[in-house]
């Protein structure tokens, strides 16, 4: 089992000043490594078809509506599952989660993996780029919290730079699509999730 994880939104709680009201973590799960490789090739081929340079990075919030739809349709034929955790920040009471970025990301990535039912002995890759500074302690935290004598959720876990990994970019595009569906004011709120709906196994709200 191979899992790619990225998020959409931010860890801030000043919604009135621009922080996102919702935060989404999406897991893109491949049961078969060959299927993951075929999906990666399809993404690279799309990049060339659209006339983008090879080192261009697909990011949901930097992409046009046309590019988003083209991306989702390009990966849609392949076999993968999507599990997402949706966090409504107004329901968060913990001061630690409100005041520590590292605690916020670590906790919700743990929750997304822990309650994703069928995930066992998985190789996990998480986007470690951008302003999220994950220390070595973060990976130790995940192993400690997720693995036990009764259940081993992760076989190994690595932080990877999304610029060099198109399947992490895929997780970003999917997380963005899921979060956009909660933005009722956006004209394209329901377009993207509709394209990939057959892959969505679970989408649960944190309470």
N, C-alpha and C. Protein backbone atom coordinates (compact mmCIF):
# COMPACT_ATOMS: atom_id res chain seq x y z
N UNK A 1 0.84 -1.19 0.00
CA UNK A 1 0.00 0.00 0.00
C UNK A 1 0.88 1.25 0.00
N UNK A 2 0.60 2.15 -0.89
CA UNK A 2 1.38 3.37 -1.06
C UNK A 2 0.44 4.56 -0.89
N UNK A 3 0.80 5.48 0.01
CA UNK A 3 -0.08 6.61 0.31
C UNK A 3 0.66 7.93 0.16
N UNK A 4 0.01 8.87 -0.52
CA UNK A 4 0.54 10.22 -0.69
C UNK A 4 -0.41 11.18 0.02
N UNK A 5 0.16 12.06 0.83
CA UNK A 5 -0.66 12.93 1.67
C UNK A 5 -0.31 14.40 1.45
N UNK A 6 -1.34 15.20 1.28
CA UNK A 6 -1.16 16.65 1.26
C UNK A 6 -2.41 17.29 1.84
N UNK A 7 -2.32 18.58 2.06
CA UNK A 7 -3.44 19.28 2.69
C UNK A 7 -3.82 20.51 1.90
N UNK A 8 -4.94 21.09 2.28
CA UNK A 8 -5.41 22.33 1.66
C UNK A 8 -5.95 23.21 2.77
N UNK A 9 -5.54 24.46 2.76
CA UNK A 9 -5.90 25.36 3.84
C UNK A 9 -4.67 25.69 4.65
N UNK A 10 -4.85 26.31 5.79
CA UNK A 10 -3.72 26.68 6.63
C UNK A 10 -4.03 26.37 8.09
N UNK A 11 -3.02 26.57 8.93
CA UNK A 11 -3.16 26.26 10.35
C UNK A 11 -3.59 27.47 11.17
N UNK A 12 -3.88 28.58 10.50
CA UNK A 12 -4.27 29.80 11.21
C UNK A 12 -5.72 29.80 11.67
N UNK A 13 -6.00 30.60 12.69
CA UNK A 13 -7.35 30.69 13.24
C UNK A 13 -7.94 32.10 13.15
N UNK A 14 -7.25 33.00 12.48
CA UNK A 14 -7.77 34.35 12.30
C UNK A 14 -8.52 34.43 10.97
N UNK A 15 -9.68 33.79 10.95
CA UNK A 15 -10.46 33.68 9.72
C UNK A 15 -10.86 35.05 9.18
N UNK A 16 -11.18 35.96 10.09
CA UNK A 16 -11.59 37.31 9.68
C UNK A 16 -10.45 38.06 9.00
N UNK A 17 -9.21 37.61 9.24
CA UNK A 17 -8.04 38.27 8.64
C UNK A 17 -7.44 37.46 7.50
N UNK A 18 -8.15 36.43 7.05
CA UNK A 18 -7.67 35.70 5.88
C UNK A 18 -7.36 34.23 6.06
N UNK A 19 -7.36 33.74 7.30
CA UNK A 19 -7.14 32.30 7.49
C UNK A 19 -8.32 31.52 6.92
N UNK A 20 -8.06 30.33 6.45
CA UNK A 20 -9.13 29.53 5.86
C UNK A 20 -10.03 28.96 6.97
N UNK A 21 -11.36 29.00 6.78
CA UNK A 21 -12.27 28.45 7.80
C UNK A 21 -12.18 26.94 7.91
N UNK A 22 -11.78 26.28 6.82
CA UNK A 22 -11.67 24.82 6.81
C UNK A 22 -10.25 24.39 6.45
N UNK A 23 -9.90 23.23 6.92
CA UNK A 23 -8.60 22.62 6.61
C UNK A 23 -8.87 21.18 6.21
N UNK A 24 -8.25 20.75 5.11
CA UNK A 24 -8.49 19.40 4.59
C UNK A 24 -7.18 18.65 4.42
N UNK A 25 -7.17 17.42 4.87
CA UNK A 25 -6.05 16.51 4.60
C UNK A 25 -6.59 15.38 3.74
N UNK A 26 -5.94 15.12 2.62
CA UNK A 26 -6.37 14.04 1.74
C UNK A 26 -5.28 12.99 1.60
N UNK A 27 -5.71 11.74 1.65
CA UNK A 27 -4.84 10.60 1.42
C UNK A 27 -5.18 10.04 0.04
N UNK A 28 -4.18 9.92 -0.81
CA UNK A 28 -4.34 9.25 -2.10
C UNK A 28 -3.68 7.88 -1.94
N UNK A 29 -4.48 6.84 -2.04
CA UNK A 29 -4.03 5.49 -1.69
C UNK A 29 -3.97 4.58 -2.92
N UNK A 30 -2.81 4.02 -3.15
CA UNK A 30 -2.63 3.04 -4.22
C UNK A 30 -2.38 1.67 -3.59
N UNK A 31 -3.12 0.68 -4.02
CA UNK A 31 -2.90 -0.69 -3.56
C UNK A 31 -1.78 -1.35 -4.36
N UNK A 32 -1.52 -0.79 -5.55
CA UNK A 32 -0.57 -1.41 -6.47
C UNK A 32 0.47 -0.38 -6.92
N UNK A 33 1.74 -0.70 -6.76
CA UNK A 33 2.80 0.24 -7.12
C UNK A 33 2.83 0.52 -8.62
N UNK A 34 2.52 -0.47 -9.43
CA UNK A 34 2.51 -0.27 -10.88
C UNK A 34 1.44 0.74 -11.27
N UNK A 35 0.30 0.67 -10.60
CA UNK A 35 -0.78 1.62 -10.89
C UNK A 35 -0.35 3.04 -10.52
N UNK A 36 0.40 3.17 -9.44
CA UNK A 36 0.93 4.47 -9.04
C UNK A 36 1.89 5.00 -10.11
N UNK A 37 2.73 4.13 -10.64
CA UNK A 37 3.68 4.53 -11.68
C UNK A 37 2.95 4.97 -12.95
N UNK A 38 1.90 4.23 -13.31
CA UNK A 38 1.13 4.59 -14.52
C UNK A 38 0.45 5.94 -14.33
N UNK A 39 -0.04 6.20 -13.13
CA UNK A 39 -0.69 7.48 -12.85
C UNK A 39 0.33 8.62 -12.93
N UNK A 40 1.53 8.38 -12.41
CA UNK A 40 2.58 9.39 -12.47
C UNK A 40 2.96 9.71 -13.91
N UNK A 41 3.02 8.69 -14.74
CA UNK A 41 3.34 8.90 -16.17
C UNK A 41 2.25 9.73 -16.84
N UNK A 42 0.99 9.45 -16.50
CA UNK A 42 -0.14 10.20 -17.08
C UNK A 42 -0.06 11.68 -16.71
N UNK A 43 0.38 11.96 -15.48
CA UNK A 43 0.52 13.35 -15.04
C UNK A 43 1.63 14.04 -15.81
N UNK A 44 2.73 13.35 -16.01
CA UNK A 44 3.85 13.93 -16.75
C UNK A 44 3.48 14.15 -18.22
N UNK A 45 2.72 13.23 -18.77
CA UNK A 45 2.27 13.39 -20.16
C UNK A 45 1.31 14.57 -20.29
N UNK A 46 0.46 14.76 -19.29
CA UNK A 46 -0.47 15.90 -19.30
C UNK A 46 0.32 17.21 -19.28
N UNK A 47 1.38 17.23 -18.49
CA UNK A 47 2.21 18.42 -18.38
C UNK A 47 2.72 18.84 -19.77
N UNK A 48 3.18 17.85 -20.51
CA UNK A 48 3.69 18.14 -21.85
C UNK A 48 2.57 18.52 -22.81
N UNK A 49 1.44 17.85 -22.67
CA UNK A 49 0.28 18.14 -23.53
C UNK A 49 -0.19 19.58 -23.34
N UNK A 50 -0.11 20.07 -22.10
CA UNK A 50 -0.54 21.44 -21.80
C UNK A 50 0.55 22.47 -22.09
N UNK A 51 1.74 21.98 -22.48
CA UNK A 51 2.83 22.88 -22.83
C UNK A 51 3.58 23.43 -21.63
N UNK A 52 3.48 22.74 -20.49
CA UNK A 52 4.18 23.17 -19.29
C UNK A 52 5.59 22.57 -19.26
N UNK A 53 6.56 23.26 -18.68
CA UNK A 53 7.91 22.69 -18.56
C UNK A 53 7.90 21.49 -17.62
N UNK A 54 8.88 20.61 -17.79
CA UNK A 54 8.93 19.38 -17.00
C UNK A 54 9.03 19.63 -15.50
N UNK A 55 9.66 20.76 -15.12
CA UNK A 55 9.83 21.04 -13.69
C UNK A 55 8.69 21.88 -13.10
N UNK A 56 7.64 22.11 -13.90
CA UNK A 56 6.48 22.84 -13.39
C UNK A 56 5.74 21.99 -12.37
N UNK A 57 5.24 22.61 -11.32
CA UNK A 57 4.54 21.90 -10.25
C UNK A 57 3.04 22.18 -10.29
N UNK A 58 2.24 21.13 -10.33
CA UNK A 58 0.79 21.30 -10.24
C UNK A 58 0.41 21.64 -8.80
N UNK A 59 -0.24 22.79 -8.61
CA UNK A 59 -0.76 23.18 -7.31
C UNK A 59 -2.19 23.68 -7.53
N UNK A 60 -3.11 23.20 -6.73
CA UNK A 60 -4.52 23.55 -6.96
C UNK A 60 -4.75 25.05 -7.00
N UNK A 61 -4.26 25.77 -6.01
CA UNK A 61 -4.58 27.18 -5.92
C UNK A 61 -3.74 28.07 -6.82
N UNK A 62 -2.83 27.46 -7.57
CA UNK A 62 -2.08 28.22 -8.57
C UNK A 62 -2.53 27.87 -9.98
N UNK A 63 -3.51 26.98 -10.07
CA UNK A 63 -3.96 26.48 -11.37
C UNK A 63 -5.27 27.12 -11.80
N UNK A 64 -5.45 27.20 -13.10
CA UNK A 64 -6.72 27.70 -13.64
C UNK A 64 -7.77 26.60 -13.54
N UNK A 65 -9.01 26.99 -13.71
CA UNK A 65 -10.10 26.00 -13.69
C UNK A 65 -9.88 24.95 -14.78
N UNK A 66 -9.43 25.39 -15.93
CA UNK A 66 -9.18 24.47 -17.06
C UNK A 66 -8.11 23.45 -16.70
N UNK A 67 -7.02 23.91 -16.09
CA UNK A 67 -5.92 23.02 -15.71
C UNK A 67 -6.37 22.04 -14.63
N UNK A 68 -7.13 22.52 -13.65
CA UNK A 68 -7.62 21.64 -12.59
C UNK A 68 -8.46 20.50 -13.17
N UNK A 69 -9.38 20.86 -14.05
CA UNK A 69 -10.26 19.83 -14.64
C UNK A 69 -9.46 18.87 -15.49
N UNK A 70 -8.50 19.39 -16.27
CA UNK A 70 -7.69 18.53 -17.13
C UNK A 70 -6.88 17.55 -16.29
N UNK A 71 -6.35 18.03 -15.17
CA UNK A 71 -5.55 17.18 -14.29
C UNK A 71 -6.41 16.06 -13.72
N UNK A 72 -7.55 16.40 -13.17
CA UNK A 72 -8.41 15.40 -12.53
C UNK A 72 -8.92 14.37 -13.55
N UNK A 73 -9.20 14.82 -14.75
CA UNK A 73 -9.66 13.87 -15.78
C UNK A 73 -8.51 12.97 -16.25
N UNK A 74 -7.28 13.48 -16.19
CA UNK A 74 -6.13 12.67 -16.60
C UNK A 74 -5.85 11.53 -15.62
N UNK A 75 -6.06 11.76 -14.32
CA UNK A 75 -5.79 10.71 -13.33
C UNK A 75 -7.01 9.82 -13.08
N UNK A 76 -8.17 10.29 -13.45
CA UNK A 76 -9.42 9.59 -13.12
C UNK A 76 -9.50 8.13 -13.58
N UNK A 77 -8.92 7.75 -14.73
CA UNK A 77 -9.05 6.35 -15.18
C UNK A 77 -8.28 5.33 -14.33
N UNK A 78 -7.37 5.80 -13.49
CA UNK A 78 -6.50 4.87 -12.77
C UNK A 78 -7.11 4.44 -11.43
N UNK A 79 -6.54 3.39 -10.86
CA UNK A 79 -7.11 2.81 -9.64
C UNK A 79 -6.43 3.37 -8.40
N UNK A 80 -7.17 4.16 -7.67
CA UNK A 80 -6.69 4.71 -6.40
C UNK A 80 -7.91 5.07 -5.56
N UNK A 81 -7.67 5.25 -4.28
CA UNK A 81 -8.73 5.64 -3.36
C UNK A 81 -8.39 6.99 -2.74
N UNK A 82 -9.44 7.71 -2.37
CA UNK A 82 -9.27 9.00 -1.70
C UNK A 82 -9.98 8.95 -0.35
N UNK A 83 -9.22 9.28 0.69
CA UNK A 83 -9.82 9.43 2.02
C UNK A 83 -9.43 10.82 2.52
N UNK A 84 -10.41 11.58 2.98
CA UNK A 84 -10.14 12.95 3.41
C UNK A 84 -10.71 13.25 4.78
N UNK A 85 -9.97 14.05 5.52
CA UNK A 85 -10.41 14.56 6.81
C UNK A 85 -10.65 16.06 6.63
N UNK A 86 -11.86 16.50 6.99
CA UNK A 86 -12.24 17.90 6.85
C UNK A 86 -12.37 18.52 8.24
N UNK A 87 -11.61 19.57 8.49
CA UNK A 87 -11.60 20.22 9.81
C UNK A 87 -12.26 21.59 9.72
N UNK A 88 -13.37 21.74 10.44
CA UNK A 88 -14.01 23.04 10.61
C UNK A 88 -13.35 23.68 11.82
N UNK A 89 -12.53 24.70 11.59
CA UNK A 89 -11.72 25.27 12.67
C UNK A 89 -12.56 25.86 13.80
N UNK A 90 -13.78 26.24 13.51
CA UNK A 90 -14.63 26.83 14.56
C UNK A 90 -14.94 25.81 15.67
N UNK A 91 -14.72 24.53 15.38
CA UNK A 91 -15.02 23.49 16.36
C UNK A 91 -13.79 23.07 17.18
N UNK A 92 -12.64 23.68 16.88
CA UNK A 92 -11.42 23.34 17.60
C UNK A 92 -11.34 24.13 18.91
N UNK A 93 -11.22 23.43 20.01
CA UNK A 93 -11.14 24.08 21.33
C UNK A 93 -9.72 24.08 21.90
N UNK A 94 -8.89 23.14 21.47
CA UNK A 94 -7.55 22.98 22.03
C UNK A 94 -6.67 24.21 21.77
N UNK A 95 -6.13 24.79 22.83
CA UNK A 95 -5.24 25.94 22.69
C UNK A 95 -3.92 25.55 22.01
N UNK A 96 -3.47 24.32 22.28
CA UNK A 96 -2.22 23.87 21.65
C UNK A 96 -2.37 23.79 20.14
N UNK A 97 -3.50 23.25 19.68
CA UNK A 97 -3.73 23.16 18.23
C UNK A 97 -3.89 24.54 17.61
N UNK A 98 -4.43 25.47 18.38
CA UNK A 98 -4.63 26.82 17.86
C UNK A 98 -3.33 27.63 17.79
N UNK A 99 -2.40 27.29 18.66
CA UNK A 99 -1.19 28.12 18.78
C UNK A 99 0.10 27.49 18.27
N UNK A 100 0.04 26.21 17.90
CA UNK A 100 1.25 25.54 17.41
C UNK A 100 0.99 24.91 16.04
N UNK A 101 1.66 25.45 15.03
CA UNK A 101 1.53 24.90 13.67
C UNK A 101 1.93 23.44 13.63
N UNK A 102 3.04 23.14 14.27
CA UNK A 102 3.55 21.77 14.23
C UNK A 102 2.56 20.80 14.88
N UNK A 103 2.01 21.20 16.03
CA UNK A 103 1.01 20.35 16.71
C UNK A 103 -0.22 20.18 15.84
N UNK A 104 -0.65 21.25 15.19
CA UNK A 104 -1.84 21.23 14.33
C UNK A 104 -1.66 20.22 13.20
N UNK A 105 -0.59 20.38 12.44
CA UNK A 105 -0.35 19.47 11.30
C UNK A 105 -0.14 18.04 11.77
N UNK A 106 0.68 17.87 12.79
CA UNK A 106 0.99 16.52 13.27
C UNK A 106 -0.26 15.79 13.74
N UNK A 107 -1.08 16.48 14.51
CA UNK A 107 -2.27 15.86 15.07
C UNK A 107 -3.25 15.44 13.98
N UNK A 108 -3.50 16.32 13.02
CA UNK A 108 -4.51 15.99 12.02
C UNK A 108 -4.01 14.99 10.97
N UNK A 109 -2.72 14.99 10.69
CA UNK A 109 -2.19 13.94 9.81
C UNK A 109 -2.31 12.59 10.52
N UNK A 110 -2.00 12.57 11.81
CA UNK A 110 -2.17 11.33 12.59
C UNK A 110 -3.62 10.86 12.55
N UNK A 111 -4.56 11.78 12.77
CA UNK A 111 -5.98 11.42 12.80
C UNK A 111 -6.44 10.89 11.44
N UNK A 112 -5.97 11.53 10.37
CA UNK A 112 -6.36 11.10 9.02
C UNK A 112 -5.91 9.67 8.74
N UNK A 113 -4.72 9.31 9.21
CA UNK A 113 -4.20 7.95 9.00
C UNK A 113 -4.84 6.96 9.96
N UNK A 114 -5.00 7.36 11.20
CA UNK A 114 -5.51 6.46 12.23
C UNK A 114 -6.92 5.98 11.96
N UNK A 115 -7.75 6.87 11.42
CA UNK A 115 -9.16 6.51 11.21
C UNK A 115 -9.49 6.27 9.74
N UNK A 116 -8.50 5.82 9.01
CA UNK A 116 -8.72 5.47 7.60
C UNK A 116 -8.79 3.96 7.44
N UNK A 117 -9.53 3.35 8.33
CA UNK A 117 -9.88 1.93 8.31
C UNK A 117 -8.95 0.92 7.71
N UNK A 118 -8.87 0.88 6.40
CA UNK A 118 -8.18 -0.20 5.70
C UNK A 118 -6.68 0.03 5.56
N UNK A 119 -6.16 1.12 6.09
CA UNK A 119 -4.74 1.42 5.93
C UNK A 119 -3.91 0.57 6.89
N UNK A 120 -3.05 -0.26 6.32
CA UNK A 120 -2.17 -1.12 7.11
C UNK A 120 -0.83 -1.29 6.43
N UNK A 121 0.25 -1.24 7.22
CA UNK A 121 1.60 -1.50 6.73
C UNK A 121 1.90 -0.70 5.46
N UNK A 122 1.55 0.58 5.50
CA UNK A 122 1.66 1.41 4.31
C UNK A 122 2.96 2.19 4.23
N UNK A 123 3.40 2.41 3.01
CA UNK A 123 4.52 3.31 2.76
C UNK A 123 3.89 4.69 2.52
N UNK A 124 4.22 5.63 3.39
CA UNK A 124 3.56 6.94 3.39
C UNK A 124 4.54 8.03 2.98
N UNK A 125 4.09 8.88 2.07
CA UNK A 125 4.89 10.03 1.66
C UNK A 125 4.04 11.28 1.90
N UNK A 126 4.61 12.23 2.63
CA UNK A 126 3.91 13.45 3.01
C UNK A 126 4.64 14.66 2.46
N UNK A 127 3.87 15.63 1.96
CA UNK A 127 4.49 16.84 1.45
C UNK A 127 5.18 17.57 2.60
N UNK A 128 6.47 17.78 2.47
CA UNK A 128 7.23 18.47 3.51
C UNK A 128 7.78 19.79 3.02
N UNK A 129 7.23 20.32 1.94
CA UNK A 129 7.73 21.58 1.38
C UNK A 129 6.96 22.77 1.94
N UNK A 130 7.27 23.94 1.46
CA UNK A 130 6.55 25.13 1.88
C UNK A 130 6.97 25.60 3.26
N UNK A 131 6.01 26.21 3.98
CA UNK A 131 6.35 26.81 5.28
C UNK A 131 6.16 25.84 6.44
N UNK A 132 5.87 24.59 6.12
CA UNK A 132 5.69 23.61 7.18
C UNK A 132 7.04 23.01 7.56
N UNK A 133 7.52 23.33 8.73
CA UNK A 133 8.81 22.84 9.17
C UNK A 133 8.59 21.61 10.05
N UNK A 134 8.71 20.43 9.44
CA UNK A 134 8.56 19.20 10.20
C UNK A 134 9.93 18.72 10.65
N UNK A 135 10.06 18.48 11.90
CA UNK A 135 11.32 17.96 12.43
C UNK A 135 11.28 16.44 12.43
N UNK A 136 12.42 15.86 12.72
CA UNK A 136 12.52 14.40 12.79
C UNK A 136 11.54 13.84 13.82
N UNK A 137 11.27 14.64 14.84
CA UNK A 137 10.36 14.20 15.91
C UNK A 137 8.95 13.95 15.39
N UNK A 138 8.59 14.63 14.29
CA UNK A 138 7.26 14.45 13.71
C UNK A 138 7.08 13.02 13.21
N UNK A 139 8.07 12.49 12.51
CA UNK A 139 7.99 11.13 12.00
C UNK A 139 7.99 10.12 13.14
N UNK A 140 8.77 10.40 14.18
CA UNK A 140 8.80 9.52 15.35
C UNK A 140 7.43 9.54 16.03
N UNK A 141 6.82 10.71 16.08
CA UNK A 141 5.49 10.87 16.67
C UNK A 141 4.47 10.01 15.93
N UNK A 142 4.49 10.04 14.60
CA UNK A 142 3.55 9.25 13.81
C UNK A 142 3.74 7.76 14.05
N UNK A 143 4.99 7.31 14.05
CA UNK A 143 5.25 5.89 14.28
C UNK A 143 4.77 5.46 15.66
N UNK A 144 5.02 6.30 16.64
CA UNK A 144 4.63 5.98 18.02
C UNK A 144 3.11 5.94 18.18
N UNK A 145 2.42 6.88 17.55
CA UNK A 145 0.98 7.01 17.70
C UNK A 145 0.19 6.02 16.84
N UNK A 146 0.77 5.60 15.73
CA UNK A 146 0.01 4.81 14.75
C UNK A 146 0.33 3.32 14.76
N UNK A 147 1.49 2.96 15.26
CA UNK A 147 1.86 1.54 15.26
C UNK A 147 1.80 0.94 16.66
N UNK A 148 1.23 -0.24 16.74
CA UNK A 148 1.16 -0.95 18.01
C UNK A 148 1.31 -2.44 17.73
N UNK A 149 1.31 -3.24 18.77
CA UNK A 149 1.41 -4.70 18.59
C UNK A 149 0.15 -5.25 17.93
N UNK A 150 -0.96 -4.53 18.04
CA UNK A 150 -2.22 -4.98 17.43
C UNK A 150 -2.35 -4.55 15.97
N UNK A 151 -1.79 -3.39 15.64
CA UNK A 151 -1.97 -2.87 14.28
C UNK A 151 -0.78 -2.00 13.88
N UNK A 152 -0.22 -2.30 12.72
CA UNK A 152 0.87 -1.50 12.18
C UNK A 152 0.34 -0.73 10.98
N UNK A 153 0.06 0.55 11.18
CA UNK A 153 -0.54 1.36 10.11
C UNK A 153 0.50 1.79 9.08
N UNK A 154 1.67 2.21 9.55
CA UNK A 154 2.70 2.66 8.60
C UNK A 154 3.94 1.78 8.66
N UNK A 155 4.39 1.39 7.47
CA UNK A 155 5.63 0.62 7.36
C UNK A 155 6.81 1.58 7.42
N UNK A 156 6.72 2.63 6.64
CA UNK A 156 7.68 3.72 6.73
C UNK A 156 7.01 5.01 6.28
N UNK A 157 7.61 6.11 6.67
CA UNK A 157 7.01 7.42 6.39
C UNK A 157 8.12 8.40 6.04
N UNK A 158 7.94 9.11 4.93
CA UNK A 158 8.96 10.05 4.48
C UNK A 158 8.33 11.39 4.13
N UNK A 159 9.07 12.45 4.41
CA UNK A 159 8.69 13.78 3.96
C UNK A 159 9.37 14.03 2.63
N UNK A 160 8.62 14.42 1.63
CA UNK A 160 9.20 14.63 0.30
C UNK A 160 8.84 16.01 -0.22
N UNK A 161 9.70 16.50 -1.09
CA UNK A 161 9.48 17.81 -1.71
C UNK A 161 8.50 17.63 -2.86
N UNK A 162 7.38 18.30 -2.81
CA UNK A 162 6.35 18.14 -3.83
C UNK A 162 6.83 18.54 -5.22
N UNK A 163 7.83 19.40 -5.29
CA UNK A 163 8.31 19.84 -6.61
C UNK A 163 8.86 18.69 -7.43
N UNK A 164 9.34 17.65 -6.75
CA UNK A 164 9.92 16.53 -7.48
C UNK A 164 9.08 15.27 -7.46
N UNK A 165 7.83 15.39 -7.01
CA UNK A 165 6.98 14.20 -6.89
C UNK A 165 5.57 14.51 -7.39
N UNK A 166 5.23 14.01 -8.56
CA UNK A 166 3.93 14.36 -9.16
C UNK A 166 2.75 13.73 -8.42
N UNK A 167 3.00 12.66 -7.65
CA UNK A 167 1.90 12.04 -6.91
C UNK A 167 1.59 12.82 -5.62
N UNK A 168 2.57 13.52 -5.08
CA UNK A 168 2.28 14.47 -4.00
C UNK A 168 1.50 15.65 -4.59
N UNK A 169 1.88 16.06 -5.79
CA UNK A 169 1.12 17.12 -6.47
C UNK A 169 -0.33 16.68 -6.70
N UNK A 170 -0.51 15.41 -6.99
CA UNK A 170 -1.87 14.87 -7.16
C UNK A 170 -2.65 14.98 -5.85
N UNK A 171 -2.00 14.68 -4.74
CA UNK A 171 -2.65 14.80 -3.44
C UNK A 171 -3.04 16.25 -3.16
N UNK A 172 -2.19 17.18 -3.58
CA UNK A 172 -2.50 18.61 -3.43
C UNK A 172 -3.73 18.98 -4.26
N UNK A 173 -3.76 18.54 -5.50
CA UNK A 173 -4.89 18.87 -6.38
C UNK A 173 -6.20 18.28 -5.84
N UNK A 174 -6.11 17.11 -5.26
CA UNK A 174 -7.32 16.46 -4.72
C UNK A 174 -7.75 17.12 -3.42
N UNK A 175 -6.81 17.41 -2.53
CA UNK A 175 -7.16 18.10 -1.29
C UNK A 175 -7.79 19.47 -1.59
N UNK A 176 -7.24 20.16 -2.58
CA UNK A 176 -7.80 21.45 -2.98
C UNK A 176 -9.21 21.30 -3.53
N UNK A 177 -9.43 20.25 -4.29
CA UNK A 177 -10.77 19.99 -4.86
C UNK A 177 -11.79 19.72 -3.77
N UNK A 178 -11.37 18.95 -2.76
CA UNK A 178 -12.27 18.63 -1.65
C UNK A 178 -12.60 19.90 -0.86
N UNK A 179 -11.57 20.68 -0.55
CA UNK A 179 -11.84 21.90 0.23
C UNK A 179 -12.68 22.90 -0.54
N UNK A 180 -12.46 22.99 -1.85
CA UNK A 180 -13.24 23.93 -2.66
C UNK A 180 -14.74 23.58 -2.60
N UNK A 181 -15.05 22.29 -2.44
CA UNK A 181 -16.45 21.87 -2.39
C UNK A 181 -17.17 22.40 -1.15
N UNK A 182 -16.39 22.85 -0.15
CA UNK A 182 -16.98 23.43 1.07
C UNK A 182 -17.09 24.95 0.99
N UNK A 183 -16.59 25.53 -0.09
CA UNK A 183 -16.68 26.98 -0.29
C UNK A 183 -17.92 27.28 -1.10
N UNK A 184 -19.03 27.45 -0.42
CA UNK A 184 -20.33 27.59 -1.10
C UNK A 184 -20.42 28.85 -1.95
N UNK A 185 -19.55 29.82 -1.68
CA UNK A 185 -19.59 31.07 -2.45
C UNK A 185 -18.86 30.95 -3.78
N UNK A 186 -18.03 29.92 -3.92
CA UNK A 186 -17.26 29.74 -5.16
C UNK A 186 -18.13 29.15 -6.26
N UNK A 187 -18.03 29.71 -7.44
CA UNK A 187 -18.84 29.25 -8.56
C UNK A 187 -18.46 27.84 -9.01
N UNK A 188 -17.21 27.45 -8.73
CA UNK A 188 -16.74 26.13 -9.16
C UNK A 188 -16.70 25.13 -7.99
N UNK A 189 -17.47 25.39 -6.94
CA UNK A 189 -17.37 24.59 -5.71
C UNK A 189 -17.63 23.10 -5.91
N UNK A 190 -18.52 22.74 -6.82
CA UNK A 190 -18.87 21.32 -6.97
C UNK A 190 -18.30 20.65 -8.22
N UNK A 191 -17.56 21.41 -9.00
CA UNK A 191 -17.08 20.87 -10.28
C UNK A 191 -16.02 19.79 -10.10
N UNK A 192 -15.01 20.07 -9.30
CA UNK A 192 -13.83 19.20 -9.24
C UNK A 192 -14.11 17.88 -8.53
N UNK A 193 -14.79 17.95 -7.41
CA UNK A 193 -15.07 16.72 -6.66
C UNK A 193 -15.96 15.78 -7.47
N UNK A 194 -16.79 16.35 -8.32
CA UNK A 194 -17.67 15.53 -9.16
C UNK A 194 -16.86 14.66 -10.11
N UNK A 195 -15.73 15.18 -10.60
CA UNK A 195 -14.89 14.43 -11.55
C UNK A 195 -14.31 13.18 -10.91
N UNK A 196 -13.91 13.28 -9.64
CA UNK A 196 -13.19 12.20 -8.97
C UNK A 196 -14.04 11.45 -7.94
N UNK A 197 -15.33 11.65 -7.96
CA UNK A 197 -16.20 11.13 -6.89
C UNK A 197 -16.14 9.61 -6.75
N UNK A 198 -15.90 8.88 -7.85
CA UNK A 198 -15.87 7.42 -7.77
C UNK A 198 -14.70 6.91 -6.93
N UNK A 199 -13.69 7.76 -6.74
CA UNK A 199 -12.50 7.35 -5.97
C UNK A 199 -12.64 7.66 -4.48
N UNK A 200 -13.62 8.50 -4.11
CA UNK A 200 -13.75 8.94 -2.72
C UNK A 200 -14.39 7.84 -1.89
N UNK A 201 -13.59 7.24 -1.03
CA UNK A 201 -14.05 6.16 -0.17
C UNK A 201 -14.58 6.72 1.15
N UNK A 202 -13.95 7.78 1.61
CA UNK A 202 -14.33 8.34 2.90
C UNK A 202 -14.02 9.83 2.92
N UNK A 203 -14.95 10.59 3.48
CA UNK A 203 -14.75 12.02 3.67
C UNK A 203 -15.45 12.37 4.97
N UNK A 204 -14.69 12.53 6.03
CA UNK A 204 -15.31 12.73 7.32
C UNK A 204 -14.90 14.02 7.98
N UNK A 205 -15.83 14.59 8.71
CA UNK A 205 -15.61 15.87 9.38
C UNK A 205 -15.13 15.64 10.81
N UNK A 206 -14.08 16.33 11.18
CA UNK A 206 -13.56 16.22 12.54
C UNK A 206 -14.52 16.89 13.52
N UNK A 207 -14.79 16.18 14.62
CA UNK A 207 -15.70 16.72 15.65
C UNK A 207 -15.05 16.60 17.02
